[in-house]
C-alpha atoms as a PDB file:
ATOM      1  CA  MET A   1     -33.416  18.526  32.192  1.00  0.00           C
ATOM      2  CA  TYR A   2     -30.689  19.864  29.926  1.00  0.00           C
ATOM      3  CA  PHE A   3     -30.360  18.182  26.537  1.00  0.00           C
ATOM      4  CA  PHE A   4     -26.901  16.846  27.396  1.00  0.00           C
ATOM      5  CA  GLU A   5     -28.430  15.018  30.386  1.00  0.00           C
ATOM      6  CA  ASP A   6     -30.926  13.236  28.156  1.00  0.00           C
ATOM      7  CA  PRO A   7     -30.018   9.512  27.750  1.00  0.00           C
ATOM      8  CA  GLN A   8     -31.066   9.705  24.091  1.00  0.00           C
ATOM      9  CA  PHE A   9     -28.426  12.383  23.514  1.00  0.00           C
ATOM     10  CA  GLY A  10     -25.849  10.212  25.299  1.00  0.00           C
ATOM     11  CA  ASN A  11     -26.855   7.225  23.176  1.00  0.00           C
ATOM     12  CA  ARG A  12     -26.390   9.224  19.960  1.00  0.00           C
ATOM     13  CA  MET A  13     -22.968  10.439  21.090  1.00  0.00           C
ATOM     14  CA  ILE A  14     -21.840   6.915  21.956  1.00  0.00           C
ATOM     15  CA  THR A  15     -23.115   5.566  18.636  1.00  0.00           C
ATOM     16  CA  LEU A  16     -21.298   8.325  16.738  1.00  0.00           C
ATOM     17  CA  MET A  17     -18.010   7.740  18.581  1.00  0.00           C
ATOM     18  CA  ALA A  18     -18.300   3.966  18.109  1.00  0.00           C
ATOM     19  CA  ALA A  19     -18.833   4.478  14.370  1.00  0.00           C
ATOM     20  CA  PHE A  20     -15.638   6.566  14.179  1.00  0.00           C
ATOM     21  CA  VAL A  21     -13.769   3.877  16.161  1.00  0.00           C
ATOM     22  CA  LEU A  22     -14.761   1.262  13.584  1.00  0.00           C
ATOM     23  CA  VAL A  23     -13.854   3.548  10.660  1.00  0.00           C
ATOM     24  CA  LEU A  24     -10.407   4.146  12.192  1.00  0.00           C
ATOM     25  CA  GLN A  25      -9.901   0.409  12.643  1.00  0.00           C
ATOM     26  CA  ILE A  26     -10.610  -0.225   8.964  1.00  0.00           C
ATOM     27  CA  ALA A  27      -8.356   2.733   8.090  1.00  0.00           C
ATOM     28  CA  MET A  28      -5.510   0.992   9.930  1.00  0.00           C
ATOM     29  CA  VAL A  29      -6.001  -2.056   7.725  1.00  0.00           C
ATOM     30  CA  GLY A  30      -5.678   0.052   4.580  1.00  0.00           C
ATOM     31  CA  GLN A  31      -2.734   2.137   5.802  1.00  0.00           C
ATOM     32  CA  ARG A  32       0.906   1.079   5.317  1.00  0.00           C
ATOM     33  CA  TRP A  33       2.680   4.018   6.996  1.00  0.00           C
ATOM     34  CA  LEU A  34       3.609   2.926  10.514  1.00  0.00           C
ATOM     35  CA  VAL A  35       3.548   6.358  12.174  1.00  0.00           C
ATOM     36  CA  THR A  36       0.142   7.098  10.635  1.00  0.00           C
ATOM     37  CA  ASN A  37      -1.201   3.813  11.989  1.00  0.00           C
ATOM     38  CA  ILE A  38       0.153   4.628  15.435  1.00  0.00           C
ATOM     39  CA  ARG A  39      -1.628   7.988  15.397  1.00  0.00           C
ATOM     40  CA  VAL A  40      -4.834   6.387  14.138  1.00  0.00           C
ATOM     41  CA  PHE A  41      -4.647   3.975  17.079  1.00  0.00           C
ATOM     42  CA  ALA A  42      -4.171   6.945  19.446  1.00  0.00           C
ATOM     43  CA  ALA A  43      -7.260   8.661  18.013  1.00  0.00           C
ATOM     44  CA  GLN A  44      -9.220   5.429  18.395  1.00  0.00           C
ATOM     45  CA  SER A  45      -8.168   5.211  22.049  1.00  0.00           C
ATOM     46  CA  PHE A  46      -9.294   8.800  22.707  1.00  0.00           C
ATOM     47  CA  LEU A  47     -12.713   7.930  21.271  1.00  0.00           C
ATOM     48  CA  LEU A  48     -12.955   4.829  23.471  1.00  0.00           C
ATOM     49  CA  ALA A  49     -12.128   6.995  26.477  1.00  0.00           C
ATOM     50  CA  GLY A  50     -14.929   9.337  25.384  1.00  0.00           C
ATOM     51  CA  ILE A  51     -17.384   6.419  25.227  1.00  0.00           C
ATOM     52  CA  ALA A  52     -16.356   5.271  28.710  1.00  0.00           C
ATOM     53  CA  ASN A  53     -16.703   8.823  30.053  1.00  0.00           C
ATOM     54  CA  THR A  54     -20.186   9.189  28.578  1.00  0.00           C
ATOM     55  CA  ILE A  55     -21.383   5.895  30.069  1.00  0.00           C
ATOM     56  CA  ALA A  56     -19.813   6.834  33.422  1.00  0.00           C
ATOM     57  CA  PHE A  57     -21.574  10.233  33.413  1.00  0.00           C
ATOM     58  CA  PHE A  58     -25.054   8.853  32.791  1.00  0.00           C
ATOM     59  CA  ASN A  59     -24.686   5.840  35.104  1.00  0.00           C
ATOM     60  CA  HIS A  60     -22.697   7.499  37.905  1.00  0.00           C
ATOM     61  CA  ALA A  61     -19.947   4.885  37.617  1.00  0.00           C
ATOM     62  CA  PRO A  62     -16.719   6.430  39.038  1.00  0.00           C
ATOM     63  CA  HIS A  63     -14.556   3.399  38.192  1.00  0.00           C
ATOM     64  CA  LEU A  64     -15.266   3.997  34.503  1.00  0.00           C
ATOM     65  CA  TYR A  65     -13.764   7.466  34.811  1.00  0.00           C
ATOM     66  CA  VAL A  66     -10.562   5.791  36.000  1.00  0.00           C
ATOM     67  CA  ALA A  67     -10.641   3.355  33.082  1.00  0.00           C
ATOM     68  CA  ALA A  68     -11.264   6.222  30.663  1.00  0.00           C
ATOM     69  CA  PHE A  69      -8.378   8.226  32.131  1.00  0.00           C
ATOM     70  CA  LEU A  70      -5.983   5.258  31.872  1.00  0.00           C
ATOM     71  CA  THR A  71      -7.104   4.588  28.294  1.00  0.00           C
ATOM     72  CA  CYS A  72      -6.551   8.221  27.362  1.00  0.00           C
ATOM     73  CA  VAL A  73      -3.129   8.525  29.010  1.00  0.00           C
ATOM     74  CA  LEU A  74      -1.633   5.075  28.352  1.00  0.00           C
ATOM     75  CA  LYS A  75      -3.128   4.103  24.985  1.00  0.00           C
ATOM     76  CA  GLY A  76      -3.750   7.602  23.692  1.00  0.00           C
ATOM     77  CA  ILE A  77      -0.422   9.219  24.680  1.00  0.00           C
ATOM     78  CA  VAL A  78       2.228   7.031  26.351  1.00  0.00           C
ATOM     79  CA  LEU A  79       2.187   3.960  24.103  1.00  0.00           C
ATOM     80  CA  PRO A  80       1.906   5.925  20.819  1.00  0.00           C
ATOM     81  CA  VAL A  81       4.873   8.125  21.859  1.00  0.00           C
ATOM     82  CA  LEU A  82       6.954   5.043  22.717  1.00  0.00           C
ATOM     83  CA  LEU A  83       6.035   3.321  19.462  1.00  0.00           C
ATOM     84  CA  GLU A  84       6.769   6.417  17.362  1.00  0.00           C
ATOM     85  CA  ARG A  85      10.197   6.714  18.961  1.00  0.00           C
ATOM     86  CA  LEU A  86      10.805   3.047  18.201  1.00  0.00           C
ATOM     87  CA  VAL A  87       9.827   3.509  14.544  1.00  0.00           C
ATOM     88  CA  LYS A  88      12.169   6.512  14.209  1.00  0.00           C
ATOM     89  CA  ARG A  89      14.980   4.603  15.891  1.00  0.00           C
ATOM     90  CA  ILE A  90      14.773   1.605  13.565  1.00  0.00           C
ATOM     91  CA  ASP A  91      14.170   3.923  10.587  1.00  0.00           C
ATOM     92  CA  ILE A  92      11.519   1.882   8.766  1.00  0.00           C
ATOM     93  CA  GLY A  93       8.541   3.986   7.737  1.00  0.00           C
ATOM     94  CA  GLN A  94       6.079   1.639   6.067  1.00  0.00           C
ATOM     95  CA  GLU A  95       5.134  -1.940   5.370  1.00  0.00           C
ATOM     96  CA  ILE A  96       5.992  -2.703   1.759  1.00  0.00           C
ATOM     97  CA  ALA A  97       4.614  -6.204   1.242  1.00  0.00           C
ATOM     98  CA  PRO A  98       1.945  -7.386   3.701  1.00  0.00           C
ATOM     99  CA  ILE A  99       0.961 -11.049   3.523  1.00  0.00           C
ATOM    100  CA  VAL A 100      -2.508  -9.996   2.304  1.00  0.00           C
ATOM    101  CA  ASN A 101      -2.657  -6.992  -0.037  1.00  0.00           C
ATOM    102  CA  VAL A 102      -4.565  -3.852   0.942  1.00  0.00           C
ATOM    103  CA  PRO A 103      -7.677  -4.216  -1.309  1.00  0.00           C
ATOM    104  CA  LEU A 104      -8.239  -7.807  -0.183  1.00  0.00           C
ATOM    105  CA  SER A 105      -7.547  -6.842   3.442  1.00  0.00           C
ATOM    106  CA  LEU A 106     -10.223  -4.131   3.269  1.00  0.00           C
ATOM    107  CA  LEU A 107     -12.674  -6.606   1.743  1.00  0.00           C
ATOM    108  CA  ILE A 108     -11.968  -9.146   4.492  1.00  0.00           C
ATOM    109  CA  SER A 109     -12.336  -6.422   7.136  1.00  0.00           C
ATOM    110  CA  GLY A 110     -15.749  -5.572   5.710  1.00  0.00           C
ATOM    111  CA  GLY A 111     -16.721  -9.230   5.956  1.00  0.00           C
ATOM    112  CA  LEU A 112     -15.482  -9.444   9.545  1.00  0.00           C
ATOM    113  CA  THR A 113     -17.510  -6.334  10.400  1.00  0.00           C
ATOM    114  CA  THR A 114     -20.600  -8.074   9.044  1.00  0.00           C
ATOM    115  CA  VAL A 115     -19.779 -11.126  11.178  1.00  0.00           C
ATOM    116  CA  GLY A 116     -19.426  -8.826  14.194  1.00  0.00           C
ATOM    117  CA  TYR A 117     -22.911  -7.400  13.668  1.00  0.00           C
ATOM    118  CA  VAL A 118     -24.399 -10.869  13.163  1.00  0.00           C
ATOM    119  CA  VAL A 119     -22.799 -12.146  16.385  1.00  0.00           C
ATOM    120  CA  ALA A 120     -23.875  -9.068  18.360  1.00  0.00           C
ATOM    121  CA  GLU A 121     -27.465  -9.399  17.108  1.00  0.00           C
ATOM    122  CA  SER A 122     -28.020 -12.412  19.381  1.00  0.00           C
ATOM    123  CA  PHE A 123     -27.216 -10.200  22.399  1.00  0.00           C
ATOM    124  CA  HIS A 124     -29.421  -7.320  21.287  1.00  0.00           C
ATOM    125  CA  HIS A 125     -32.552  -6.686  23.342  1.00  0.00           C
ATOM    126  CA  PRO A 126     -34.382  -3.633  21.991  1.00  0.00           C
ATOM    127  CA  GLU A 127     -35.914  -1.300  24.561  1.00  0.00           C
ATOM    128  CA  GLY A 128     -38.743   1.157  24.148  1.00  0.00           C
ATOM    129  CA  ALA A 129     -36.781   4.226  25.143  1.00  0.00           C
ATOM    130  CA  ALA A 130     -33.161   5.040  25.785  1.00  0.00           C
ATOM    131  CA  SER A 131     -32.166   4.831  29.436  1.00  0.00           C
ATOM    132  CA  PRO A 132     -28.843   5.207  31.273  1.00  0.00           C
ATOM    133  CA  ALA A 133     -28.745   1.433  31.830  1.00  0.00           C
ATOM    134  CA  SER A 134     -29.018   0.753  28.102  1.00  0.00           C
ATOM    135  CA  LEU A 135     -26.263   3.117  26.981  1.00  0.00           C
ATOM    136  CA  GLY A 136     -23.487   1.458  25.050  1.00  0.00           C
ATOM    137  CA  ARG A 137     -25.325  -1.799  24.390  1.00  0.00           C
ATOM    138  CA  ASN A 138     -25.492  -0.991  20.678  1.00  0.00           C
ATOM    139  CA  THR A 139     -21.672  -0.799  20.505  1.00  0.00           C
ATOM    140  CA  LEU A 140     -21.175  -4.538  21.058  1.00  0.00           C
ATOM    141  CA  ALA A 141     -21.139  -5.137  17.293  1.00  0.00           C
ATOM    142  CA  VAL A 142     -18.312  -2.615  16.943  1.00  0.00           C
ATOM    143  CA  ALA A 143     -16.440  -4.296  19.821  1.00  0.00           C
ATOM    144  CA  VAL A 144     -16.665  -7.728  18.178  1.00  0.00           C
ATOM    145  CA  SER A 145     -15.597  -6.228  14.843  1.00  0.00           C
ATOM    146  CA  LEU A 146     -12.564  -4.567  16.459  1.00  0.00           C
ATOM    147  CA  PHE A 147     -11.542  -7.882  17.984  1.00  0.00           C
ATOM    148  CA  LEU A 148     -11.909  -9.812  14.719  1.00  0.00           C
ATOM    149  CA  ILE A 149     -10.144  -7.190  12.580  1.00  0.00           C
ATOM    150  CA  GLY A 150      -7.342  -6.861  15.146  1.00  0.00           C
ATOM    151  CA  PHE A 151      -6.828 -10.628  15.092  1.00  0.00           C
ATOM    152  CA  PHE A 152      -6.805 -10.577  11.284  1.00  0.00           C
ATOM    153  CA  MET A 153      -4.155  -7.840  11.294  1.00  0.00           C
ATOM    154  CA  MET A 154      -1.972  -9.922  13.603  1.00  0.00           C
ATOM    155  CA  ILE A 155      -1.855 -12.815  11.146  1.00  0.00           C
ATOM    156  CA  SER A 156      -1.745 -10.794   7.927  1.00  0.00           C
ATOM    157  CA  ARG A 157       1.064  -8.304   8.602  1.00  0.00           C
ATOM    158  CA  ARG A 158       4.781  -9.012   8.384  1.00  0.00           C
ATOM    159  CA  LYS A 159       6.137  -6.072  10.368  1.00  0.00           C
ATOM    160  CA  ALA A 160       6.450  -6.723  14.081  1.00  0.00           C
ATOM    161  CA  ILE A 161       5.411  -3.165  14.933  1.00  0.00           C
ATOM    162  CA  MET A 162       2.130  -3.654  13.048  1.00  0.00           C
ATOM    163  CA  GLN A 163       1.492  -6.837  14.986  1.00  0.00           C
ATOM    164  CA  VAL A 164       1.961  -4.869  18.211  1.00  0.00           C
ATOM    165  CA  LEU A 165      -0.634  -2.339  16.994  1.00  0.00           C
ATOM    166  CA  ALA A 166      -2.958  -5.194  16.023  1.00  0.00           C
ATOM    167  CA  LEU A 167      -2.674  -6.606  19.552  1.00  0.00           C
ATOM    168  CA  LEU A 168      -3.510  -3.188  21.013  1.00  0.00           C
ATOM    169  CA  SER A 169      -6.500  -2.827  18.671  1.00  0.00           C
ATOM    170  CA  LEU A 170      -7.706  -6.270  19.686  1.00  0.00           C
ATOM    171  CA  GLU A 171      -7.499  -5.190  23.334  1.00  0.00           C
ATOM    172  CA  ASN A 172      -9.501  -2.058  22.464  1.00  0.00           C
ATOM    173  CA  GLY A 173     -12.251  -4.357  21.223  1.00  0.00           C
ATOM    174  CA  LEU A 174     -12.229  -6.282  24.498  1.00  0.00           C
ATOM    175  CA  PHE A 175     -12.334  -3.006  26.455  1.00  0.00           C
ATOM    176  CA  LEU A 176     -15.316  -1.738  24.452  1.00  0.00           C
ATOM    177  CA  ALA A 177     -17.126  -5.061  24.928  1.00  0.00           C
ATOM    178  CA  ALA A 178     -16.526  -4.892  28.688  1.00  0.00           C
ATOM    179  CA  ILE A 179     -17.949  -1.392  29.080  1.00  0.00           C
ATOM    180  CA  SER A 180     -20.847  -2.002  26.684  1.00  0.00           C
ATOM    181  CA  LEU A 181     -22.042  -5.212  28.375  1.00  0.00           C
ATOM    182  CA  THR A 182     -21.113  -4.836  32.038  1.00  0.00           C
ATOM    183  CA  TYR A 183     -19.985  -1.189  32.315  1.00  0.00           C
ATOM    184  CA  GLY A 184     -16.474  -2.309  33.010  1.00  0.00           C
ATOM    185  CA  MET A 185     -14.734  -4.900  35.108  1.00  0.00           C
ATOM    186  CA  PRO A 186     -13.794  -4.375  38.783  1.00  0.00           C
ATOM    187  CA  LEU A 187     -11.269  -1.534  39.070  1.00  0.00           C
ATOM    188  CA  ILE A 188      -8.448  -3.769  40.331  1.00  0.00           C
ATOM    189  CA  VAL A 189      -8.874  -6.032  37.291  1.00  0.00           C
ATOM    190  CA  GLU A 190      -8.791  -3.051  34.925  1.00  0.00           C
ATOM    191  CA  LEU A 191      -5.632  -1.700  36.584  1.00  0.00           C
ATOM    192  CA  GLY A 192      -4.004  -5.123  36.254  1.00  0.00           C
ATOM    193  CA  ILE A 193      -4.902  -5.354  32.568  1.00  0.00           C
ATOM    194  CA  PHE A 194      -3.514  -1.885  31.814  1.00  0.00           C
ATOM    195  CA  PHE A 195      -0.282  -2.682  33.673  1.00  0.00           C
ATOM    196  CA  ASP A 196       0.092  -6.020  31.842  1.00  0.00           C
ATOM    197  CA  LEU A 197      -0.575  -4.285  28.532  1.00  0.00           C
ATOM    198  CA  LEU A 198       2.076  -1.640  29.206  1.00  0.00           C
ATOM    199  CA  VAL A 199       4.667  -4.263  30.152  1.00  0.00           C
ATOM    200  CA  ALA A 200       3.766  -6.408  27.132  1.00  0.00           C
ATOM    201  CA  VAL A 201       4.203  -3.499  24.710  1.00  0.00           C
ATOM    202  CA  MET A 202       7.552  -2.574  26.279  1.00  0.00           C
ATOM    203  CA  VAL A 203       8.765  -6.175  25.924  1.00  0.00           C
ATOM    204  CA  LEU A 204       7.489  -6.358  22.349  1.00  0.00           C
ATOM    205  CA  GLY A 205       9.212  -3.042  21.622  1.00  0.00           C
ATOM    206  CA  ILE A 206      12.534  -4.467  22.797  1.00  0.00           C
ATOM    207  CA  LEU A 207      11.891  -7.582  20.704  1.00  0.00           C
ATOM    208  CA  VAL A 208      11.149  -5.469  17.617  1.00  0.00           C
ATOM    209  CA  TYR A 209      14.402  -3.558  18.089  1.00  0.00           C
ATOM    210  CA  ARG A 210      16.383  -6.799  18.451  1.00  0.00           C
ATOM    211  CA  ILE A 211      14.782  -8.248  15.319  1.00  0.00           C
ATOM    212  CA  GLN A 212      15.749  -5.091  13.428  1.00  0.00           C
ATOM    213  CA  GLU A 213      19.331  -5.257  14.730  1.00  0.00           C
ATOM    214  CA  THR A 214      19.723  -8.944  13.860  1.00  0.00           C
ATOM    215  CA  PHE A 215      17.988  -9.138  10.485  1.00  0.00           C
ATOM    216  CA  ASP A 216      17.992  -5.455   9.389  1.00  0.00           C
ATOM    217  CA  SER A 217      14.245  -5.863   8.979  1.00  0.00           C
ATOM    218  CA  MET A 218      11.052  -6.016  11.050  1.00  0.00           C
ATOM    219  CA  ASP A 219       9.682  -8.882   8.948  1.00  0.00           C
ATOM    220  CA  VAL A 220       8.709 -11.552  11.495  1.00  0.00           C
ATOM    221  CA  THR A 221       8.849 -14.263   8.816  1.00  0.00           C
ATOM    222  CA  LYS A 222      12.647 -13.974   9.001  1.00  0.00           C
ATOM    223  CA  LEU A 223      12.506 -15.476  12.486  1.00  0.00           C
ATOM    224  CA  SER A 224      12.257 -18.885  10.821  1.00  0.00           C
ATOM    225  CA  LYS A 225      16.001 -18.527  10.146  1.00  0.00           C
ATOM    226  CA  LEU A 226      16.603 -19.011  13.880  1.00  0.00           C
ATOM    227  CA  ARG A 227      15.548 -22.668  13.674  1.00  0.00           C
ATOM    228  CA  GLY A 228      18.448 -25.060  14.018  1.00  0.00           C
END
């Protein structure tokens, strides 16, 4: 058996990629430049595709290859390109005054990561040796942390484009949880989710552009002015 066919090697690779995914998520919280955040999200998506590919290889799960390919193409290339073009079109490069400042946001993100590991601990069932069936189980804590931090970003950022990225990061957490617990959902469900996500981002992109045109700002708090 070659070393790259050893489940222990696969487990180490998945753990390493999951650690980078979590680091990138926290980096998004501490980063105000919109284009940088978009590229960080793209890198995170590539790593998630790598995790899915690794699990698919060791478990002979062809549908996970499809999910990994869609993650790589849609969330790693297509959506970041669309969002970058939107940012350049509205000509706003960074978020100046988030609702929660960066140091406190990083502290809260650290706390949410701890919560993620505590929640995932109840699902952890240690096994004597690494096996293909156990690959990815140790990434559930990262998945829960991604979900919690993504939700926090949605409520703590003023710029609509950052809220779109937060929604995408939250979905990345759900995707990682799905492949770590059940090795993915049925293929038709995954295709439906990716299609819905693409449509949702396109609609949100149009909404962001309209907000910018109307208020000369992407600050979603200005939408309160629309109340009669």
